[in-house]
Amino acid sequence: MGDGDRREVRQQVSSGRGSVNTLAAGDVGDVHVTNNYYRAKWAGVIASAVVVAFGLVYHFADDPDVKDAIASGPSLRVTVQTKDSVVNHNGAWLFPGRLLSAGQTLNTDQVAMVMSKRSDKVDTYETTTLVTVEGNRSHTVDITGIHIKVRSKVTPAPGGTLLVYPSQGEDSNIKIGFNLDEPVPVPRNALPEGEAFGGRYFDNHSVSVKEGEIVNFGFTFQTVKWDVTYDLVLDEVIDGKHTTQTVTNGSRPFRTRGFASAYDQVVGPYAQDGSFAVTDRAKAMEAMCGTPCTVRLTQGAAATAK
């Protein structure tokens, strides 16, 4: 078939203007060849881009700036273990209602059983907590300070049972104390068992946490005056950038309660055989925090100003 006799085939071709292009029947094969050429060309471009992308990822994989930019989760992984749930250290707790009936006493094992089964108790005077942090950034995380974020602060309501259990020994994990009765609580050096608080902890301590490194903090929080709920806030510096991280007691804030003006019942290990029996508020408070009852500071440790 000559060129002059070539039959034309009209074929609808999609375009932005919806135009109709006329292709000669003998040219259709050329069109298919051209399409295959461009497909191969674009496939090569895409393959090259993928190779370049993988090369960049491999090149920057060990760059701490890149790793931290895409890191997930907080800069420090935190685990909180509140230690005041068992009778094994200096402590006092508030229980709703009355704990003992008239003339009843409890031995230490029975009190421990009550402590393990009752979830409605509230730490009184002191909360002791072990906070474990693990580095979760390529850059070192420097903890430059710790402060308290108060959620609520009220006078302790009267009523309920105050259970006291004076010190049974030293807890060497306690290093940092917070006096919640100070207008601005600051982290202080704590004597064993929180017997007294000294100077500011970060005046002579520095804490740096590398990736994967684990650091333990033993805290004790004390108040005589208030019923306080609060969070811990860590002040951090990562590669020269300042940030903060909030630490809670699981899904709840921490809570420490001061002494109420009156209780329905006060119980302590003051029976002749050492078992727990009903006692009076003044005797229990003296055993916990002395007379007058205060959060004790070591000599020369000034309280924060208002």
Protein backbone atom coordinates (compact mmCIF):
# COMPACT_ATOMS: atom_id res chain seq x y z
CA MET A 1 0.00 0.00 0.00
CA GLY A 2 1.50 3.29 -1.08
CA ASP A 3 1.72 6.38 1.01
CA GLY A 4 -0.98 8.01 -1.01
CA ASP A 5 -3.28 5.05 -0.48
CA ARG A 6 -2.52 4.63 3.22
CA ARG A 7 -5.69 4.26 5.22
CA GLU A 8 -5.96 6.46 8.24
CA VAL A 9 -7.18 5.17 11.58
CA ARG A 10 -8.61 7.64 13.99
CA GLN A 11 -7.67 6.89 17.61
CA GLN A 12 -8.86 8.80 20.65
CA VAL A 13 -5.84 9.82 22.75
CA SER A 14 -6.29 11.34 26.21
CA SER A 15 -4.82 14.76 26.66
CA GLY A 16 -5.38 17.84 28.77
CA ARG A 17 -7.52 19.35 25.99
CA GLY A 18 -9.33 16.15 25.04
CA SER A 19 -7.99 16.41 21.44
CA VAL A 20 -8.27 13.73 18.74
CA ASN A 21 -4.98 12.72 17.11
CA THR A 22 -4.90 11.02 13.70
CA LEU A 23 -2.33 8.22 13.32
CA ALA A 24 -1.60 6.34 10.15
CA ALA A 25 -2.09 2.61 10.50
CA GLY A 26 1.52 1.99 9.51
CA ASP A 27 2.75 4.27 12.31
CA VAL A 28 1.11 2.37 15.21
CA GLY A 29 4.15 0.10 15.67
CA ASP A 30 6.39 3.13 15.91
CA VAL A 31 4.22 4.47 18.72
CA HIS A 32 4.56 1.24 20.69
CA VAL A 33 8.32 1.31 20.27
CA THR A 34 8.45 4.88 21.45
CA ASN A 35 6.30 4.06 24.55
CA ASN A 36 8.55 1.14 25.47
CA TYR A 37 11.59 3.42 25.14
CA TYR A 38 10.17 5.96 27.61
CA ARG A 39 9.09 3.25 30.02
CA ALA A 40 12.61 1.86 30.11
CA LYS A 41 14.05 5.33 30.48
CA TRP A 42 11.83 6.21 33.48
CA ALA A 43 12.47 2.84 35.09
CA GLY A 44 16.19 3.58 34.94
CA VAL A 45 15.67 7.01 36.50
CA ILE A 46 13.61 5.55 39.34
CA ALA A 47 16.16 2.81 39.98
CA SER A 48 18.94 5.36 40.13
CA ALA A 49 16.96 7.51 42.59
CA VAL A 50 16.39 4.49 44.86
CA VAL A 51 20.12 3.69 44.81
CA VAL A 52 20.96 7.30 45.69
CA ALA A 53 18.37 7.33 48.50
CA PHE A 54 19.76 4.15 50.03
CA GLY A 55 23.24 5.58 49.74
CA LEU A 56 22.22 8.71 51.62
CA VAL A 57 20.52 6.67 54.34
CA TYR A 58 23.62 4.51 54.73
CA HIS A 59 25.87 7.57 54.77
CA PHE A 60 23.91 9.36 57.50
CA ALA A 61 22.91 6.30 59.50
CA ASP A 62 25.56 6.95 62.14
CA ASP A 63 25.09 10.72 62.23
CA PRO A 64 23.78 11.48 65.76
CA ASP A 65 21.94 14.59 64.55
CA VAL A 66 20.03 12.55 61.97
CA LYS A 67 19.37 9.68 64.37
CA ASP A 68 18.03 12.02 67.05
CA ALA A 69 15.89 13.89 64.51
CA ILE A 70 14.03 10.70 63.61
CA ALA A 71 14.16 9.09 67.08
CA SER A 72 10.85 8.13 68.66
CA GLY A 73 9.85 8.29 72.30
CA PRO A 74 11.16 10.54 75.08
CA SER A 75 14.83 11.43 75.42
CA LEU A 76 14.95 9.35 78.62
CA ARG A 77 12.97 6.16 79.19
CA VAL A 78 11.67 6.36 82.76
CA THR A 79 10.55 3.69 85.24
CA VAL A 80 9.00 4.71 88.57
CA GLN A 81 8.84 2.44 91.62
CA THR A 82 7.09 3.95 94.62
CA LYS A 83 8.43 2.09 97.64
CA ASP A 84 5.85 3.10 100.23
CA SER A 85 3.46 0.26 99.43
CA VAL A 86 4.98 -2.13 101.99
CA VAL A 87 6.00 -1.84 105.63
CA ASN A 88 9.76 -1.92 105.24
CA HIS A 89 10.96 1.59 106.01
CA ASN A 90 10.14 4.81 107.79
CA GLY A 91 6.59 5.65 106.82
CA ALA A 92 3.08 6.78 107.69
CA TRP A 93 -0.15 6.23 105.78
CA LEU A 94 -3.75 7.41 105.90
CA PHE A 95 -6.57 4.88 105.58
CA PRO A 96 -10.24 5.84 105.24
CA GLY A 97 -12.34 4.99 108.31
CA ARG A 98 -11.04 2.99 111.27
CA LEU A 99 -8.40 0.30 110.85
CA LEU A 100 -8.81 -1.47 114.23
CA SER A 101 -11.81 -2.36 116.35
CA ALA A 102 -11.79 -1.66 120.10
CA GLY A 103 -8.98 -3.55 121.85
CA GLN A 104 -7.67 -5.09 118.61
CA THR A 105 -3.94 -5.33 117.82
CA LEU A 106 -2.07 -6.43 114.70
CA ASN A 107 1.36 -7.99 114.41
CA THR A 108 3.81 -6.89 111.70
CA ASP A 109 2.78 -9.63 109.25
CA GLN A 110 -0.88 -8.69 109.61
CA VAL A 111 -0.09 -5.02 109.00
CA ALA A 112 1.94 -5.99 105.94
CA MET A 113 -1.06 -7.93 104.63
CA VAL A 114 -3.32 -4.91 105.14
CA MET A 115 -0.80 -2.74 103.30
CA SER A 116 -0.65 -5.11 100.34
CA LYS A 117 -4.44 -5.43 99.99
CA ARG A 118 -5.52 -1.84 100.56
CA SER A 119 -5.11 0.41 97.52
CA ASP A 120 -6.86 3.36 99.17
CA LYS A 121 -3.98 4.33 101.46
CA VAL A 122 -2.22 7.68 101.04
CA ASP A 123 1.42 8.38 101.89
CA THR A 124 1.58 10.66 104.93
CA TYR A 125 4.56 12.85 105.77
CA GLU A 126 6.85 11.06 103.29
CA THR A 127 6.86 9.40 99.88
CA THR A 128 9.91 7.38 98.83
CA THR A 129 10.41 6.68 95.13
CA LEU A 130 13.04 5.05 92.94
CA VAL A 131 13.20 6.62 89.46
CA THR A 132 15.25 4.79 86.83
CA VAL A 133 16.17 6.59 83.59
CA GLU A 134 17.72 5.12 80.43
CA GLY A 135 19.30 7.20 77.67
CA ASN A 136 17.26 7.18 74.45
CA ARG A 137 19.24 9.59 72.26
CA SER A 138 22.52 9.38 70.34
CA HIS A 139 23.63 12.61 71.99
CA THR A 140 24.28 12.53 75.73
CA VAL A 141 21.37 13.82 77.82
CA ASP A 142 22.58 16.16 80.58
CA ILE A 143 20.14 16.52 83.49
CA THR A 144 20.84 20.01 84.79
CA GLY A 145 18.01 20.27 87.32
CA ILE A 146 14.83 18.72 88.70
CA HIS A 147 11.83 20.63 89.95
CA ILE A 148 8.33 20.02 91.24
CA LYS A 149 5.22 20.88 89.24
CA VAL A 150 2.38 21.16 91.78
CA ARG A 151 -1.06 20.03 90.57
CA SER A 152 -2.95 20.64 93.81
CA LYS A 153 -2.12 21.80 97.32
CA VAL A 154 -4.67 21.84 100.14
CA THR A 155 -4.80 21.48 103.93
CA PRO A 156 -5.17 17.78 104.91
CA ALA A 157 -8.75 16.96 105.81
CA PRO A 158 -9.37 15.44 109.26
CA GLY A 159 -10.60 11.88 109.80
CA GLY A 160 -9.50 8.37 108.86
CA THR A 161 -6.78 6.22 110.42
CA LEU A 162 -3.15 7.30 110.59
CA LEU A 163 -0.83 4.27 110.56
CA VAL A 164 2.79 5.00 111.49
CA TYR A 165 5.84 2.76 111.24
CA PRO A 166 9.05 4.50 112.39
CA SER A 167 12.40 3.84 110.73
CA GLN A 168 13.55 0.24 110.52
CA GLY A 169 16.89 0.86 108.87
CA GLU A 170 18.86 2.79 106.27
CA ASP A 171 17.90 3.05 102.64
CA SER A 172 21.10 3.80 100.73
CA ASN A 173 19.20 4.53 97.50
CA ILE A 174 17.80 7.82 98.77
CA LYS A 175 20.01 10.63 97.49
CA ILE A 176 17.64 13.51 96.72
CA GLY A 177 15.04 15.07 99.00
CA PHE A 178 12.25 17.57 98.38
CA ASN A 179 10.77 19.60 101.23
CA LEU A 180 7.23 20.17 99.93
CA ASP A 181 6.62 22.70 102.72
CA GLU A 182 9.10 25.11 101.14
CA PRO A 183 7.50 27.85 99.02
CA VAL A 184 9.64 26.66 96.10
CA PRO A 185 10.76 23.04 96.67
CA VAL A 186 14.26 22.35 95.34
CA PRO A 187 16.21 19.08 95.07
CA ARG A 188 18.39 18.70 98.16
CA ASN A 189 21.01 16.24 99.35
CA ALA A 190 19.22 13.72 101.54
CA LEU A 191 20.67 11.92 104.53
CA PRO A 192 19.86 8.18 104.71
CA GLU A 193 16.17 7.49 105.24
CA GLY A 194 15.46 11.16 104.61
CA GLU A 195 16.30 12.05 108.21
CA ALA A 196 17.26 15.55 107.09
CA PHE A 197 17.82 17.52 103.92
CA GLY A 198 21.00 19.45 103.16
CA GLY A 199 22.16 21.81 100.42
CA ARG A 200 20.95 21.88 96.85
CA TYR A 201 21.76 18.65 95.05
CA PHE A 202 22.81 20.15 91.72
CA ASP A 203 25.24 22.58 93.34
CA ASN A 204 27.75 19.73 93.59
CA HIS A 205 26.37 17.02 91.31
CA SER A 206 26.09 16.62 87.55
CA VAL A 207 24.19 13.88 85.78
CA SER A 208 24.84 12.81 82.17
CA VAL A 209 23.08 9.86 80.54
CA LYS A 210 24.45 8.26 77.37
CA GLU A 211 22.41 6.19 74.95
CA GLY A 212 21.50 2.90 76.63
CA GLU A 213 22.99 3.97 79.97
CA ILE A 214 20.87 3.47 83.10
CA VAL A 215 20.90 5.85 86.07
CA ASN A 216 18.92 5.43 89.32
CA PHE A 217 17.58 8.30 91.42
CA GLY A 218 16.33 7.71 94.95
CA PHE A 219 13.87 10.43 95.98
CA THR A 220 12.10 11.23 99.21
CA PHE A 221 9.35 13.86 99.33
CA GLN A 222 8.21 15.22 102.70
CA THR A 223 5.47 17.52 103.95
CA VAL A 224 3.98 18.24 107.36
CA LYS A 225 1.52 20.94 106.30
CA TRP A 226 -0.08 20.05 102.97
CA ASP A 227 -1.93 17.44 100.94
CA VAL A 228 -0.01 17.78 97.66
CA THR A 229 -0.27 16.18 94.21
CA TYR A 230 2.64 16.87 91.91
CA ASP A 231 4.82 15.78 88.98
CA LEU A 232 8.59 15.68 88.68
CA VAL A 233 10.10 17.71 85.84
CA LEU A 234 13.60 16.96 84.55
CA ASP A 235 15.53 19.88 83.03
CA GLU A 236 17.63 18.50 80.18
CA VAL A 237 20.24 19.71 77.72
CA ILE A 238 20.71 17.66 74.53
CA ASP A 239 23.36 18.84 72.05
CA GLY A 240 23.14 22.36 73.45
CA LYS A 241 19.34 22.48 73.29
CA HIS A 242 17.29 22.91 76.48
CA THR A 243 14.17 20.82 77.03
CA THR A 244 12.12 19.30 79.86
CA GLN A 245 10.60 15.90 80.55
CA THR A 246 7.72 15.30 82.95
CA VAL A 247 7.73 12.22 85.20
CA THR A 248 4.52 10.95 86.82
CA ASN A 249 3.70 8.07 89.15
CA GLY A 250 2.42 5.83 86.38
CA SER A 251 -0.80 7.33 85.03
CA ARG A 252 -1.26 9.51 88.13
CA PRO A 253 0.60 12.35 89.81
CA PHE A 254 2.66 11.70 92.92
CA ARG A 255 0.84 12.41 96.18
CA THR A 256 2.13 13.11 99.68
CA ARG A 257 -0.07 14.14 102.58
CA GLY A 258 0.84 16.10 105.68
CA PHE A 259 -0.65 15.50 109.13
CA ALA A 260 -4.30 16.34 109.67
CA SER A 261 -5.50 18.25 112.73
CA ALA A 262 -7.40 15.17 113.94
CA TYR A 263 -7.92 11.50 113.08
CA ASP A 264 -10.61 8.93 113.84
CA GLN A 265 -7.81 6.60 114.92
CA VAL A 266 -4.00 6.55 115.14
CA VAL A 267 -2.20 3.18 115.03
CA GLY A 268 1.47 2.42 115.69
CA PRO A 269 3.79 -0.37 116.98
CA TYR A 270 3.49 0.73 120.58
CA ALA A 271 1.91 -2.26 122.36
CA GLN A 272 4.08 -3.96 125.01
CA ASP A 273 4.75 -6.90 122.70
CA GLY A 274 5.62 -4.64 119.74
CA SER A 275 2.37 -5.20 117.91
CA PHE A 276 0.38 -2.36 116.36
CA ALA A 277 -2.25 -0.80 118.58
CA VAL A 278 -4.22 2.42 118.94
CA THR A 279 -2.09 5.32 120.15
CA ASP A 280 -2.41 9.10 120.17
CA ARG A 281 -1.58 11.58 117.40
CA ALA A 282 1.14 13.45 119.31
CA LYS A 283 3.11 10.28 120.07
CA ALA A 284 2.88 9.09 116.48
CA MET A 285 3.99 12.43 115.04
CA GLU A 286 6.91 12.68 117.45
CA ALA A 287 8.13 9.25 116.35
CA MET A 288 7.97 10.32 112.70
CA CYS A 289 9.32 13.85 112.69
CA GLY A 290 10.24 14.99 116.20
CA THR A 291 8.90 17.88 118.29
CA PRO A 292 7.99 20.28 116.86
CA CYS A 293 7.15 18.25 113.77
CA THR A 294 8.90 19.75 110.74
CA VAL A 295 10.75 18.67 107.64
CA ARG A 296 14.28 18.83 109.01
CA LEU A 297 17.11 20.64 107.25
CA THR A 298 20.75 20.06 108.14
CA GLN A 299 22.62 22.90 109.80
CA GLY A 300 23.42 25.66 107.32
CA ALA A 301 20.88 24.51 104.73
CA ALA A 302 18.70 27.55 104.08
CA ALA A 303 15.08 27.14 103.02
CA THR A 304 14.01 28.68 99.73
CA ALA A 305 12.50 32.14 99.93
CA LYS A 306 8.98 32.99 98.88
